[in-house]
Amino acid sequence: MKEKNHSLEFYRTVFTLTICLYHAQYLDPKLEILKNAYLCVEFFFMLSGYLLYRSFMKETEHHTLTYAARRFTRLWPEYIFAAVIAILGRGVFLHDFNVNKALNEVLMVQNTGLFHYGGYNYPCWYIPVMLFCGILIYSILSLYPDAFIKLFAPLAVLLGYTYFGGLEAGLESWQYVGPFSEPMIRGFIAMSLGVLIGAAANKENAIKPGKVTGTVAEITLLVLIGLSIFTEIFSEMVAVISFALLILITAKQQGFISSVIINHRVWSITGSYSYAVYLNHAMVIYLLSYIDKHLFRIPVKPVIYLIVLLAYSVCTHLLIQYIVSRVNKKARRNANA
């Protein structure tokens, strides 16, 4: 399998922008058309589980602390920059400062169940949940790989989605079940499903549909996902199943869409900026809302929003990558001195 699947990066980019526009309803009520775009978070959890399993299978030795350090090092620099901006912007500038929320934000523990506080950069609950669930799943895989694939993960997916299916708020439930937060449960089951997708994609003797069948499946799944996001026709579980199958088909590039139409390197480039876009979109919404209400009216709000968001995210991403590379070079020089 290729090092990077450009088609999966395409969907990462598209669904990131979908969530960014969904949250921008605060800026422009017309974006309420994205009724259920929060479901796209399920795609990211599944994709994280899939990539975790793929990385796990490439390793000759498995060390949970090494995995945790690698993931934290990858996520934290850009995360903490966005967190500080959010704390300063919402906490200090808007006179809404709360020590508990600020610590929750900085320590990357909001919505994990460790402390019952939210954060300032509200969409970023997903990041610490993904990090903590990833460490937990990696630990179980390291100890009991076969049992996790054949028993633990299927049970977690079945029981977990059955549980959320019985809740009035569905997947967008934010309560606590004993010491566990429902976002953590949601992240664990979705990432476990992603691991199962990875295991299925890794099977050499799996049945492979032809290009026509794969293409029909791709189109059908995209239609179901679109209807799930824009309408109330389907339940959340239709979107969950559709995302899972779309990742599997795209990972194997079994259809014409994934293997030809969207299989271009440019999407891997845009996908590398998707994390920065996700981290920063809430603060760009707040900034533009403040300007629109107190300084001057902003025309074509969604377009301006996307332009500002993309420009700001690219600049911050490049700046932080530069700083990280300089720090790493200095650390290597000191180690070799």
C-alpha atoms as a PDB file:
ATOM      1  CA  MET A   1       0.000   0.000   0.000  1.00  0.00           C
ATOM      2  CA  LYS A   2       1.279   3.480  -0.796  1.00  0.00           C
ATOM      3  CA  GLU A   3       2.691   5.613   2.011  1.00  0.00           C
ATOM      4  CA  LYS A   4      -0.110   8.147   1.617  1.00  0.00           C
ATOM      5  CA  ASN A   5      -3.529   7.568   0.200  1.00  0.00           C
ATOM      6  CA  HIS A   6      -4.321  10.790  -1.679  1.00  0.00           C
ATOM      7  CA  SER A   7      -8.007   9.914  -1.931  1.00  0.00           C
ATOM      8  CA  LEU A   8      -8.386   9.576   1.837  1.00  0.00           C
ATOM      9  CA  GLU A   9      -6.643  12.939   2.175  1.00  0.00           C
ATOM     10  CA  PHE A  10      -9.243  14.375  -0.206  1.00  0.00           C
ATOM     11  CA  TYR A  11     -12.042  13.259   2.103  1.00  0.00           C
ATOM     12  CA  ARG A  12     -10.114  14.534   5.128  1.00  0.00           C
ATOM     13  CA  THR A  13      -9.971  17.975   3.487  1.00  0.00           C
ATOM     14  CA  VAL A  14     -13.622  17.980   2.390  1.00  0.00           C
ATOM     15  CA  PHE A  15     -15.030  16.852   5.733  1.00  0.00           C
ATOM     16  CA  THR A  16     -12.807  19.273   7.654  1.00  0.00           C
ATOM     17  CA  LEU A  17     -14.193  22.175   5.628  1.00  0.00           C
ATOM     18  CA  THR A  18     -17.718  20.782   6.086  1.00  0.00           C
ATOM     19  CA  ILE A  19     -17.363  20.926   9.881  1.00  0.00           C
ATOM     20  CA  CYS A  20     -15.817  24.397   9.675  1.00  0.00           C
ATOM     21  CA  LEU A  21     -18.823  25.629   7.695  1.00  0.00           C
ATOM     22  CA  TYR A  22     -21.223  23.845  10.049  1.00  0.00           C
ATOM     23  CA  HIS A  23     -19.816  25.709  13.051  1.00  0.00           C
ATOM     24  CA  ALA A  24     -19.941  28.974  11.091  1.00  0.00           C
ATOM     25  CA  GLN A  25     -23.734  29.047  11.525  1.00  0.00           C
ATOM     26  CA  TYR A  26     -22.864  31.432  14.360  1.00  0.00           C
ATOM     27  CA  LEU A  27     -21.483  33.750  11.686  1.00  0.00           C
ATOM     28  CA  ASP A  28     -24.087  33.165   8.974  1.00  0.00           C
ATOM     29  CA  PRO A  29     -27.455  31.465   9.767  1.00  0.00           C
ATOM     30  CA  LYS A  30     -27.749  30.378   6.116  1.00  0.00           C
ATOM     31  CA  LEU A  31     -25.239  27.636   6.914  1.00  0.00           C
ATOM     32  CA  GLU A  32     -27.911  25.877   8.979  1.00  0.00           C
ATOM     33  CA  ILE A  33     -28.412  23.863   5.797  1.00  0.00           C
ATOM     34  CA  LEU A  34     -25.583  21.674   7.131  1.00  0.00           C
ATOM     35  CA  LYS A  35     -27.994  20.178   9.632  1.00  0.00           C
ATOM     36  CA  ASN A  36     -25.958  17.195  10.794  1.00  0.00           C
ATOM     37  CA  ALA A  37     -22.403  17.960   9.707  1.00  0.00           C
ATOM     38  CA  TYR A  38     -21.207  17.077  13.222  1.00  0.00           C
ATOM     39  CA  LEU A  39     -21.356  13.499  11.929  1.00  0.00           C
ATOM     40  CA  CYS A  40     -18.155  14.186   9.986  1.00  0.00           C
ATOM     41  CA  VAL A  41     -16.275  13.898  13.292  1.00  0.00           C
ATOM     42  CA  GLU A  42     -17.113  10.192  13.106  1.00  0.00           C
ATOM     43  CA  PHE A  43     -15.139  10.009   9.862  1.00  0.00           C
ATOM     44  CA  PHE A  44     -12.074  11.510  11.586  1.00  0.00           C
ATOM     45  CA  PHE A  45     -12.275   9.111  14.521  1.00  0.00           C
ATOM     46  CA  MET A  46     -12.561   6.142  12.144  1.00  0.00           C
ATOM     47  CA  LEU A  47      -9.735   7.437   9.970  1.00  0.00           C
ATOM     48  CA  SER A  48      -7.542   7.857  13.070  1.00  0.00           C
ATOM     49  CA  GLY A  49      -8.265   4.263  14.097  1.00  0.00           C
ATOM     50  CA  TYR A  50      -7.524   3.036  10.579  1.00  0.00           C
ATOM     51  CA  LEU A  51      -4.197   4.906  10.434  1.00  0.00           C
ATOM     52  CA  LEU A  52      -3.306   3.729  13.956  1.00  0.00           C
ATOM     53  CA  TYR A  53      -3.770   0.110  12.902  1.00  0.00           C
ATOM     54  CA  ARG A  54      -1.839   0.573   9.670  1.00  0.00           C
ATOM     55  CA  SER A  55       1.069   2.118  11.594  1.00  0.00           C
ATOM     56  CA  PHE A  56       0.827  -0.603  14.255  1.00  0.00           C
ATOM     57  CA  MET A  57       1.149  -3.360  11.658  1.00  0.00           C
ATOM     58  CA  LYS A  58       4.295  -1.789  10.187  1.00  0.00           C
ATOM     59  CA  GLU A  59       6.097  -1.771  13.540  1.00  0.00           C
ATOM     60  CA  THR A  60       8.338  -4.642  14.589  1.00  0.00           C
ATOM     61  CA  GLU A  61       8.088  -3.690  18.277  1.00  0.00           C
ATOM     62  CA  HIS A  62       5.232  -1.997  20.092  1.00  0.00           C
ATOM     63  CA  HIS A  63       5.799   0.465  22.933  1.00  0.00           C
ATOM     64  CA  THR A  64       2.823   2.430  24.203  1.00  0.00           C
ATOM     65  CA  LEU A  65       4.952   5.225  25.688  1.00  0.00           C
ATOM     66  CA  THR A  66       6.753   5.663  22.370  1.00  0.00           C
ATOM     67  CA  TYR A  67       3.437   5.830  20.537  1.00  0.00           C
ATOM     68  CA  ALA A  68       2.003   8.309  23.064  1.00  0.00           C
ATOM     69  CA  ALA A  69       5.086  10.536  22.865  1.00  0.00           C
ATOM     70  CA  ARG A  70       5.027  10.458  19.071  1.00  0.00           C
ATOM     71  CA  ARG A  71       1.344  11.404  18.915  1.00  0.00           C
ATOM     72  CA  PHE A  72       1.668  14.105  21.574  1.00  0.00           C
ATOM     73  CA  THR A  73       4.703  15.607  19.836  1.00  0.00           C
ATOM     74  CA  ARG A  74       2.780  15.659  16.558  1.00  0.00           C
ATOM     75  CA  LEU A  75      -0.406  17.228  17.970  1.00  0.00           C
ATOM     76  CA  TRP A  76       0.712  19.515  20.796  1.00  0.00           C
ATOM     77  CA  PRO A  77       2.682  22.388  19.133  1.00  0.00           C
ATOM     78  CA  GLU A  78      -0.133  23.574  16.867  1.00  0.00           C
ATOM     79  CA  TYR A  79      -2.740  22.661  19.464  1.00  0.00           C
ATOM     80  CA  ILE A  80      -1.162  24.768  22.221  1.00  0.00           C
ATOM     81  CA  PHE A  81      -0.770  27.752  19.890  1.00  0.00           C
ATOM     82  CA  ALA A  82      -4.486  27.630  19.037  1.00  0.00           C
ATOM     83  CA  ALA A  83      -5.328  27.057  22.726  1.00  0.00           C
ATOM     84  CA  VAL A  84      -3.431  30.147  23.866  1.00  0.00           C
ATOM     85  CA  ILE A  85      -5.083  32.273  21.184  1.00  0.00           C
ATOM     86  CA  ALA A  86      -8.492  30.969  22.273  1.00  0.00           C
ATOM     87  CA  ILE A  87      -7.800  31.655  25.958  1.00  0.00           C
ATOM     88  CA  LEU A  88      -6.583  35.168  25.204  1.00  0.00           C
ATOM     89  CA  GLY A  89      -9.352  35.884  22.708  1.00  0.00           C
ATOM     90  CA  ARG A  90     -12.347  34.529  24.575  1.00  0.00           C
ATOM     91  CA  GLY A  91     -11.073  34.507  28.141  1.00  0.00           C
ATOM     92  CA  VAL A  92      -9.198  37.779  28.395  1.00  0.00           C
ATOM     93  CA  PHE A  93     -10.543  39.958  25.597  1.00  0.00           C
ATOM     94  CA  LEU A  94     -14.191  38.953  26.149  1.00  0.00           C
ATOM     95  CA  HIS A  95     -13.780  38.918  29.960  1.00  0.00           C
ATOM     96  CA  ASP A  96     -14.740  35.236  30.189  1.00  0.00           C
ATOM     97  CA  PHE A  97     -11.589  33.896  31.863  1.00  0.00           C
ATOM     98  CA  ASN A  98     -11.893  30.724  33.940  1.00  0.00           C
ATOM     99  CA  VAL A  99      -8.811  29.004  35.381  1.00  0.00           C
ATOM    100  CA  ASN A 100     -10.318  25.514  35.187  1.00  0.00           C
ATOM    101  CA  LYS A 101     -11.309  25.898  31.546  1.00  0.00           C
ATOM    102  CA  ALA A 102      -7.902  27.373  30.700  1.00  0.00           C
ATOM    103  CA  LEU A 103      -6.057  24.480  32.363  1.00  0.00           C
ATOM    104  CA  ASN A 104      -8.352  22.004  30.643  1.00  0.00           C
ATOM    105  CA  GLU A 105      -7.442  23.599  27.322  1.00  0.00           C
ATOM    106  CA  VAL A 106      -3.695  23.735  27.889  1.00  0.00           C
ATOM    107  CA  LEU A 107      -3.436  20.213  29.311  1.00  0.00           C
ATOM    108  CA  MET A 108      -5.468  18.704  26.443  1.00  0.00           C
ATOM    109  CA  VAL A 109      -8.012  17.004  28.712  1.00  0.00           C
ATOM    110  CA  GLN A 110     -11.345  18.666  27.878  1.00  0.00           C
ATOM    111  CA  ASN A 111     -14.229  16.191  27.529  1.00  0.00           C
ATOM    112  CA  THR A 112     -12.022  13.221  28.416  1.00  0.00           C
ATOM    113  CA  GLY A 113     -13.742  12.722  31.765  1.00  0.00           C
ATOM    114  CA  LEU A 114     -10.667  13.604  33.848  1.00  0.00           C
ATOM    115  CA  PHE A 115     -12.199  16.958  34.774  1.00  0.00           C
ATOM    116  CA  HIS A 116     -15.800  18.003  34.197  1.00  0.00           C
ATOM    117  CA  TYR A 117     -14.954  21.221  32.414  1.00  0.00           C
ATOM    118  CA  GLY A 118     -15.028  22.249  28.788  1.00  0.00           C
ATOM    119  CA  GLY A 119     -12.475  24.390  27.013  1.00  0.00           C
ATOM    120  CA  TYR A 120     -12.288  27.690  25.176  1.00  0.00           C
ATOM    121  CA  ASN A 121     -11.597  26.280  21.724  1.00  0.00           C
ATOM    122  CA  TYR A 122     -14.816  24.257  21.786  1.00  0.00           C
ATOM    123  CA  PRO A 123     -14.453  22.174  18.544  1.00  0.00           C
ATOM    124  CA  CYS A 124     -11.125  20.862  19.835  1.00  0.00           C
ATOM    125  CA  TRP A 125     -12.714  18.449  22.312  1.00  0.00           C
ATOM    126  CA  TYR A 126     -12.100  15.947  19.527  1.00  0.00           C
ATOM    127  CA  ILE A 127      -8.279  16.267  19.716  1.00  0.00           C
ATOM    128  CA  PRO A 128      -7.647  15.101  23.324  1.00  0.00           C
ATOM    129  CA  VAL A 129     -10.358  12.452  23.000  1.00  0.00           C
ATOM    130  CA  MET A 130      -8.628  11.105  19.893  1.00  0.00           C
ATOM    131  CA  LEU A 131      -5.243  11.195  21.660  1.00  0.00           C
ATOM    132  CA  PHE A 132      -6.414   9.411  24.822  1.00  0.00           C
ATOM    133  CA  CYS A 133      -8.503   6.819  22.947  1.00  0.00           C
ATOM    134  CA  GLY A 134      -5.609   6.176  20.582  1.00  0.00           C
ATOM    135  CA  ILE A 135      -3.247   5.479  23.484  1.00  0.00           C
ATOM    136  CA  LEU A 136      -5.790   3.135  25.085  1.00  0.00           C
ATOM    137  CA  ILE A 137      -6.467   1.237  21.854  1.00  0.00           C
ATOM    138  CA  TYR A 138      -2.746   0.997  21.053  1.00  0.00           C
ATOM    139  CA  SER A 139      -2.113  -0.427  24.533  1.00  0.00           C
ATOM    140  CA  ILE A 140      -4.781  -3.113  24.121  1.00  0.00           C
ATOM    141  CA  LEU A 141      -3.555  -3.954  20.615  1.00  0.00           C
ATOM    142  CA  SER A 142      -0.016  -4.337  21.943  1.00  0.00           C
ATOM    143  CA  LEU A 143      -1.142  -6.815  24.607  1.00  0.00           C
ATOM    144  CA  TYR A 144      -4.004  -8.643  22.927  1.00  0.00           C
ATOM    145  CA  PRO A 145      -4.004  -7.930  19.164  1.00  0.00           C
ATOM    146  CA  ASP A 146      -6.116 -10.916  18.101  1.00  0.00           C
ATOM    147  CA  ALA A 147      -8.583 -10.564  20.977  1.00  0.00           C
ATOM    148  CA  PHE A 148      -9.045  -6.866  20.240  1.00  0.00           C
ATOM    149  CA  ILE A 149      -9.742  -7.446  16.539  1.00  0.00           C
ATOM    150  CA  LYS A 150     -11.955 -10.514  16.992  1.00  0.00           C
ATOM    151  CA  LEU A 151     -13.731  -9.695  20.260  1.00  0.00           C
ATOM    152  CA  PHE A 152     -13.124  -6.391  22.065  1.00  0.00           C
ATOM    153  CA  ALA A 153     -13.483  -4.013  19.102  1.00  0.00           C
ATOM    154  CA  PRO A 154     -16.616  -5.656  17.594  1.00  0.00           C
ATOM    155  CA  LEU A 155     -18.285  -5.703  21.023  1.00  0.00           C
ATOM    156  CA  ALA A 156     -17.342  -2.078  21.693  1.00  0.00           C
ATOM    157  CA  VAL A 157     -18.732  -0.988  18.316  1.00  0.00           C
ATOM    158  CA  LEU A 158     -21.950  -2.978  18.666  1.00  0.00           C
ATOM    159  CA  LEU A 159     -22.705  -2.029  22.283  1.00  0.00           C
ATOM    160  CA  GLY A 160     -21.435   1.526  21.942  1.00  0.00           C
ATOM    161  CA  TYR A 161     -23.500   2.516  18.926  1.00  0.00           C
ATOM    162  CA  THR A 162     -26.505   0.720  20.400  1.00  0.00           C
ATOM    163  CA  TYR A 163     -26.079   2.878  23.502  1.00  0.00           C
ATOM    164  CA  PHE A 164     -25.865   6.134  21.512  1.00  0.00           C
ATOM    165  CA  GLY A 165     -28.767   5.047  19.333  1.00  0.00           C
ATOM    166  CA  GLY A 166     -30.950   4.964  22.448  1.00  0.00           C
ATOM    167  CA  LEU A 167     -30.020   8.483  23.582  1.00  0.00           C
ATOM    168  CA  GLU A 168     -32.239  11.417  22.725  1.00  0.00           C
ATOM    169  CA  ALA A 169     -29.217  13.501  21.709  1.00  0.00           C
ATOM    170  CA  GLY A 170     -27.590  10.595  19.875  1.00  0.00           C
ATOM    171  CA  LEU A 171     -23.883  11.006  19.145  1.00  0.00           C
ATOM    172  CA  GLU A 172     -24.014  14.664  20.210  1.00  0.00           C
ATOM    173  CA  SER A 173     -24.484  13.731  23.873  1.00  0.00           C
ATOM    174  CA  TRP A 174     -22.106  15.326  26.378  1.00  0.00           C
ATOM    175  CA  GLN A 175     -22.986  13.630  29.666  1.00  0.00           C
ATOM    176  CA  TYR A 176     -20.930  11.373  31.932  1.00  0.00           C
ATOM    177  CA  VAL A 177     -21.392   7.657  32.523  1.00  0.00           C
ATOM    178  CA  GLY A 178     -19.634   7.116  35.835  1.00  0.00           C
ATOM    179  CA  PRO A 179     -16.025   8.258  35.331  1.00  0.00           C
ATOM    180  CA  PHE A 180     -16.362   8.170  31.537  1.00  0.00           C
ATOM    181  CA  SER A 181     -17.505  11.033  29.348  1.00  0.00           C
ATOM    182  CA  GLU A 182     -19.799  10.182  26.446  1.00  0.00           C
ATOM    183  CA  PRO A 183     -17.435  11.923  23.981  1.00  0.00           C
ATOM    184  CA  MET A 184     -14.694   9.524  25.134  1.00  0.00           C
ATOM    185  CA  ILE A 185     -17.007   6.545  24.629  1.00  0.00           C
ATOM    186  CA  ARG A 186     -17.921   7.896  21.194  1.00  0.00           C
ATOM    187  CA  GLY A 187     -14.264   8.326  20.277  1.00  0.00           C
ATOM    188  CA  PHE A 188     -13.305   4.858  21.496  1.00  0.00           C
ATOM    189  CA  ILE A 189     -15.998   3.006  19.570  1.00  0.00           C
ATOM    190  CA  ALA A 190     -15.448   4.986  16.361  1.00  0.00           C
ATOM    191  CA  MET A 191     -11.663   4.491  16.516  1.00  0.00           C
ATOM    192  CA  SER A 192     -12.217   0.793  17.269  1.00  0.00           C
ATOM    193  CA  LEU A 193     -14.342   0.625  14.133  1.00  0.00           C
ATOM    194  CA  GLY A 194     -11.462   2.307  12.294  1.00  0.00           C
ATOM    195  CA  VAL A 195      -9.111  -0.434  13.527  1.00  0.00           C
ATOM    196  CA  LEU A 196     -11.540  -3.057  12.194  1.00  0.00           C
ATOM    197  CA  ILE A 197     -11.548  -1.238   8.850  1.00  0.00           C
ATOM    198  CA  GLY A 198      -7.759  -1.380   8.868  1.00  0.00           C
ATOM    199  CA  ALA A 199      -7.800  -5.089   9.628  1.00  0.00           C
ATOM    200  CA  ALA A 200     -10.280  -5.704   6.802  1.00  0.00           C
ATOM    201  CA  ALA A 201      -8.216  -3.613   4.361  1.00  0.00           C
ATOM    202  CA  ASN A 202      -5.079  -5.501   5.394  1.00  0.00           C
ATOM    203  CA  LYS A 203      -6.457  -8.915   4.397  1.00  0.00           C
ATOM    204  CA  GLU A 204      -4.841 -10.093   1.193  1.00  0.00           C
ATOM    205  CA  ASN A 205      -7.478 -12.761   0.510  1.00  0.00           C
ATOM    206  CA  ALA A 206     -10.455 -10.444   0.991  1.00  0.00           C
ATOM    207  CA  ILE A 207     -13.112 -10.393  -1.728  1.00  0.00           C
ATOM    208  CA  LYS A 208     -12.442  -7.460  -4.051  1.00  0.00           C
ATOM    209  CA  PRO A 209     -15.332  -5.993  -6.044  1.00  0.00           C
ATOM    210  CA  GLY A 210     -14.720  -4.922  -9.617  1.00  0.00           C
ATOM    211  CA  LYS A 211     -14.272  -1.298 -10.611  1.00  0.00           C
ATOM    212  CA  VAL A 212     -17.912  -0.923 -11.653  1.00  0.00           C
ATOM    213  CA  THR A 213     -19.218  -2.366  -8.380  1.00  0.00           C
ATOM    214  CA  GLY A 214     -16.739  -0.297  -6.384  1.00  0.00           C
ATOM    215  CA  THR A 215     -17.721   2.891  -8.209  1.00  0.00           C
ATOM    216  CA  VAL A 216     -21.445   2.272  -7.676  1.00  0.00           C
ATOM    217  CA  ALA A 217     -20.724   1.677  -3.992  1.00  0.00           C
ATOM    218  CA  GLU A 218     -18.704   4.913  -3.746  1.00  0.00           C
ATOM    219  CA  ILE A 219     -21.467   6.982  -5.340  1.00  0.00           C
ATOM    220  CA  THR A 220     -24.140   5.345  -3.177  1.00  0.00           C
ATOM    221  CA  LEU A 221     -22.174   5.960   0.027  1.00  0.00           C
ATOM    222  CA  LEU A 222     -21.487   9.598  -0.865  1.00  0.00           C
ATOM    223  CA  VAL A 223     -25.199  10.132  -1.561  1.00  0.00           C
ATOM    224  CA  LEU A 224     -26.120   8.575   1.795  1.00  0.00           C
ATOM    225  CA  ILE A 225     -23.542  10.730   3.603  1.00  0.00           C
ATOM    226  CA  GLY A 226     -24.783  13.855   1.816  1.00  0.00           C
ATOM    227  CA  LEU A 227     -28.405  13.115   2.706  1.00  0.00           C
ATOM    228  CA  SER A 228     -27.384  12.396   6.310  1.00  0.00           C
ATOM    229  CA  ILE A 229     -25.605  15.763   6.560  1.00  0.00           C
ATOM    230  CA  PHE A 230     -28.159  17.933   4.746  1.00  0.00           C
ATOM    231  CA  THR A 231     -31.429  16.265   5.726  1.00  0.00           C
ATOM    232  CA  GLU A 232     -33.174  14.373   8.520  1.00  0.00           C
ATOM    233  CA  ILE A 233     -34.077  11.428   6.273  1.00  0.00           C
ATOM    234  CA  PHE A 234     -31.648   8.950   7.808  1.00  0.00           C
ATOM    235  CA  SER A 235     -30.531   8.067  11.316  1.00  0.00           C
ATOM    236  CA  GLU A 236     -26.990   8.720  12.531  1.00  0.00           C
ATOM    237  CA  MET A 237     -26.146   5.045  12.109  1.00  0.00           C
ATOM    238  CA  VAL A 238     -26.636   5.274   8.339  1.00  0.00           C
ATOM    239  CA  ALA A 239     -23.909   7.923   8.240  1.00  0.00           C
ATOM    240  CA  VAL A 240     -21.667   5.878  10.559  1.00  0.00           C
ATOM    241  CA  ILE A 241     -21.924   2.772   8.354  1.00  0.00           C
ATOM    242  CA  SER A 242     -21.493   4.858   5.190  1.00  0.00           C
ATOM    243  CA  PHE A 243     -18.329   6.531   6.503  1.00  0.00           C
ATOM    244  CA  ALA A 244     -16.895   3.152   7.513  1.00  0.00           C
ATOM    245  CA  LEU A 245     -17.518   1.560   4.112  1.00  0.00           C
ATOM    246  CA  LEU A 246     -16.275   4.667   2.287  1.00  0.00           C
ATOM    247  CA  ILE A 247     -12.966   4.515   4.169  1.00  0.00           C
ATOM    248  CA  LEU A 248     -12.628   0.801   3.409  1.00  0.00           C
ATOM    249  CA  ILE A 249     -13.332   1.189  -0.311  1.00  0.00           C
ATOM    250  CA  THR A 250     -11.111   4.274  -0.573  1.00  0.00           C
ATOM    251  CA  ALA A 251      -8.284   2.587   1.356  1.00  0.00           C
ATOM    252  CA  LYS A 252      -8.333  -0.272  -1.148  1.00  0.00           C
ATOM    253  CA  GLN A 253      -9.035   2.135  -4.059  1.00  0.00           C
ATOM    254  CA  GLN A 254     -11.635  -0.253  -5.428  1.00  0.00           C
ATOM    255  CA  GLY A 255     -13.735   2.320  -7.296  1.00  0.00           C
ATOM    256  CA  PHE A 256     -13.126   4.751 -10.140  1.00  0.00           C
ATOM    257  CA  ILE A 257     -13.611   7.799  -7.891  1.00  0.00           C
ATOM    258  CA  SER A 258     -10.958   6.831  -5.335  1.00  0.00           C
ATOM    259  CA  SER A 259      -8.482   5.343  -7.795  1.00  0.00           C
ATOM    260  CA  VAL A 260      -8.657   7.987 -10.535  1.00  0.00           C
ATOM    261  CA  ILE A 261     -10.841  11.069 -10.022  1.00  0.00           C
ATOM    262  CA  ILE A 262      -9.628  12.203  -6.583  1.00  0.00           C
ATOM    263  CA  ASN A 263      -6.343  10.297  -6.477  1.00  0.00           C
ATOM    264  CA  HIS A 264      -4.003  13.281  -6.803  1.00  0.00           C
ATOM    265  CA  ARG A 265      -1.043  14.429  -4.724  1.00  0.00           C
ATOM    266  CA  VAL A 266      -2.552  17.887  -4.207  1.00  0.00           C
ATOM    267  CA  TRP A 267      -5.005  16.415  -1.681  1.00  0.00           C
ATOM    268  CA  SER A 268      -2.163  15.124   0.455  1.00  0.00           C
ATOM    269  CA  ILE A 269      -0.805  18.666   0.511  1.00  0.00           C
ATOM    270  CA  THR A 270      -4.162  20.147   1.533  1.00  0.00           C
ATOM    271  CA  GLY A 271      -4.692  17.290   3.999  1.00  0.00           C
ATOM    272  CA  SER A 272      -1.499  18.253   5.816  1.00  0.00           C
ATOM    273  CA  TYR A 273      -3.083  21.641   6.605  1.00  0.00           C
ATOM    274  CA  SER A 274      -6.454  20.218   7.693  1.00  0.00           C
ATOM    275  CA  TYR A 275      -5.361  19.902  11.329  1.00  0.00           C
ATOM    276  CA  ALA A 276      -4.432  23.582  11.472  1.00  0.00           C
ATOM    277  CA  VAL A 277      -7.709  24.528   9.784  1.00  0.00           C
ATOM    278  CA  TYR A 278      -9.699  22.521  12.322  1.00  0.00           C
ATOM    279  CA  LEU A 279      -7.796  23.974  15.280  1.00  0.00           C
ATOM    280  CA  ASN A 280      -8.234  27.582  14.210  1.00  0.00           C
ATOM    281  CA  HIS A 281     -11.717  27.774  12.702  1.00  0.00           C
ATOM    282  CA  ALA A 282     -13.611  28.604  15.908  1.00  0.00           C
ATOM    283  CA  MET A 283     -11.448  31.638  16.670  1.00  0.00           C
ATOM    284  CA  VAL A 284     -11.744  32.897  13.094  1.00  0.00           C
ATOM    285  CA  ILE A 285     -15.536  32.636  13.470  1.00  0.00           C
ATOM    286  CA  TYR A 286     -15.440  34.662  16.687  1.00  0.00           C
ATOM    287  CA  LEU A 287     -13.135  37.249  15.143  1.00  0.00           C
ATOM    288  CA  LEU A 288     -15.249  37.783  12.044  1.00  0.00           C
ATOM    289  CA  SER A 289     -18.446  37.843  14.121  1.00  0.00           C
ATOM    290  CA  TYR A 290     -17.000  40.572  16.308  1.00  0.00           C
ATOM    291  CA  ILE A 291     -15.908  42.600  13.265  1.00  0.00           C
ATOM    292  CA  ASP A 292     -19.306  42.112  11.602  1.00  0.00           C
ATOM    293  CA  LYS A 293     -21.227  43.236  14.690  1.00  0.00           C
ATOM    294  CA  HIS A 294     -19.034  46.021  16.041  1.00  0.00           C
ATOM    295  CA  LEU A 295     -16.856  47.411  13.243  1.00  0.00           C
ATOM    296  CA  PHE A 296     -18.329  46.927   9.761  1.00  0.00           C
ATOM    297  CA  ARG A 297     -20.612  44.545   7.921  1.00  0.00           C
ATOM    298  CA  ILE A 298     -18.831  41.686   6.168  1.00  0.00           C
ATOM    299  CA  PRO A 299     -20.201  40.823   2.704  1.00  0.00           C
ATOM    300  CA  VAL A 300     -20.333  37.212   1.453  1.00  0.00           C
ATOM    301  CA  LYS A 301     -19.528  35.928   4.933  1.00  0.00           C
ATOM    302  CA  PRO A 302     -18.882  32.226   4.183  1.00  0.00           C
ATOM    303  CA  VAL A 303     -16.449  33.077   1.376  1.00  0.00           C
ATOM    304  CA  ILE A 304     -14.561  35.656   3.445  1.00  0.00           C
ATOM    305  CA  TYR A 305     -14.542  33.221   6.353  1.00  0.00           C
ATOM    306  CA  LEU A 306     -12.944  30.436   4.308  1.00  0.00           C
ATOM    307  CA  ILE A 307     -10.344  32.761   2.794  1.00  0.00           C
ATOM    308  CA  VAL A 308      -9.316  34.158   6.183  1.00  0.00           C
ATOM    309  CA  LEU A 309      -9.375  30.713   7.791  1.00  0.00           C
ATOM    310  CA  LEU A 310      -7.225  29.088   5.114  1.00  0.00           C
ATOM    311  CA  ALA A 311      -4.727  31.971   5.007  1.00  0.00           C
ATOM    312  CA  TYR A 312      -4.395  32.100   8.796  1.00  0.00           C
ATOM    313  CA  SER A 313      -4.099  28.319   9.123  1.00  0.00           C
ATOM    314  CA  VAL A 314      -1.428  28.007   6.442  1.00  0.00           C
ATOM    315  CA  CYS A 315       0.622  30.814   8.042  1.00  0.00           C
ATOM    316  CA  THR A 316       0.383  29.370  11.561  1.00  0.00           C
ATOM    317  CA  HIS A 317       1.140  25.853  10.337  1.00  0.00           C
ATOM    318  CA  LEU A 318       4.274  26.962   8.495  1.00  0.00           C
ATOM    319  CA  LEU A 319       5.394  29.147  11.408  1.00  0.00           C
ATOM    320  CA  ILE A 320       5.003  26.384  13.985  1.00  0.00           C
ATOM    321  CA  GLN A 321       6.658  23.797  11.739  1.00  0.00           C
ATOM    322  CA  TYR A 322       9.603  26.182  11.340  1.00  0.00           C
ATOM    323  CA  ILE A 323       9.880  26.705  15.110  1.00  0.00           C
ATOM    324  CA  VAL A 324       9.633  22.960  15.789  1.00  0.00           C
ATOM    325  CA  SER A 325      12.324  22.180  13.210  1.00  0.00           C
ATOM    326  CA  ARG A 326      14.654  24.803  14.739  1.00  0.00           C
ATOM    327  CA  VAL A 327      14.088  23.431  18.245  1.00  0.00           C
ATOM    328  CA  ASN A 328      14.744  19.871  17.049  1.00  0.00           C
ATOM    329  CA  LYS A 329      17.949  20.892  15.273  1.00  0.00           C
ATOM    330  CA  LYS A 330      19.184  22.675  18.378  1.00  0.00           C
ATOM    331  CA  ALA A 331      18.340  19.651  20.538  1.00  0.00           C
ATOM    332  CA  ARG A 332      20.275  17.355  18.174  1.00  0.00           C
ATOM    333  CA  ARG A 333      23.281  19.677  18.204  1.00  0.00           C
ATOM    334  CA  ASN A 334      23.269  19.755  22.004  1.00  0.00           C
ATOM    335  CA  ALA A 335      22.955  15.973  22.131  1.00  0.00           C
ATOM    336  CA  ASN A 336      25.936  15.547  19.810  1.00  0.00           C
ATOM    337  CA  ALA A 337      28.079  18.161  21.577  1.00  0.00           C
END
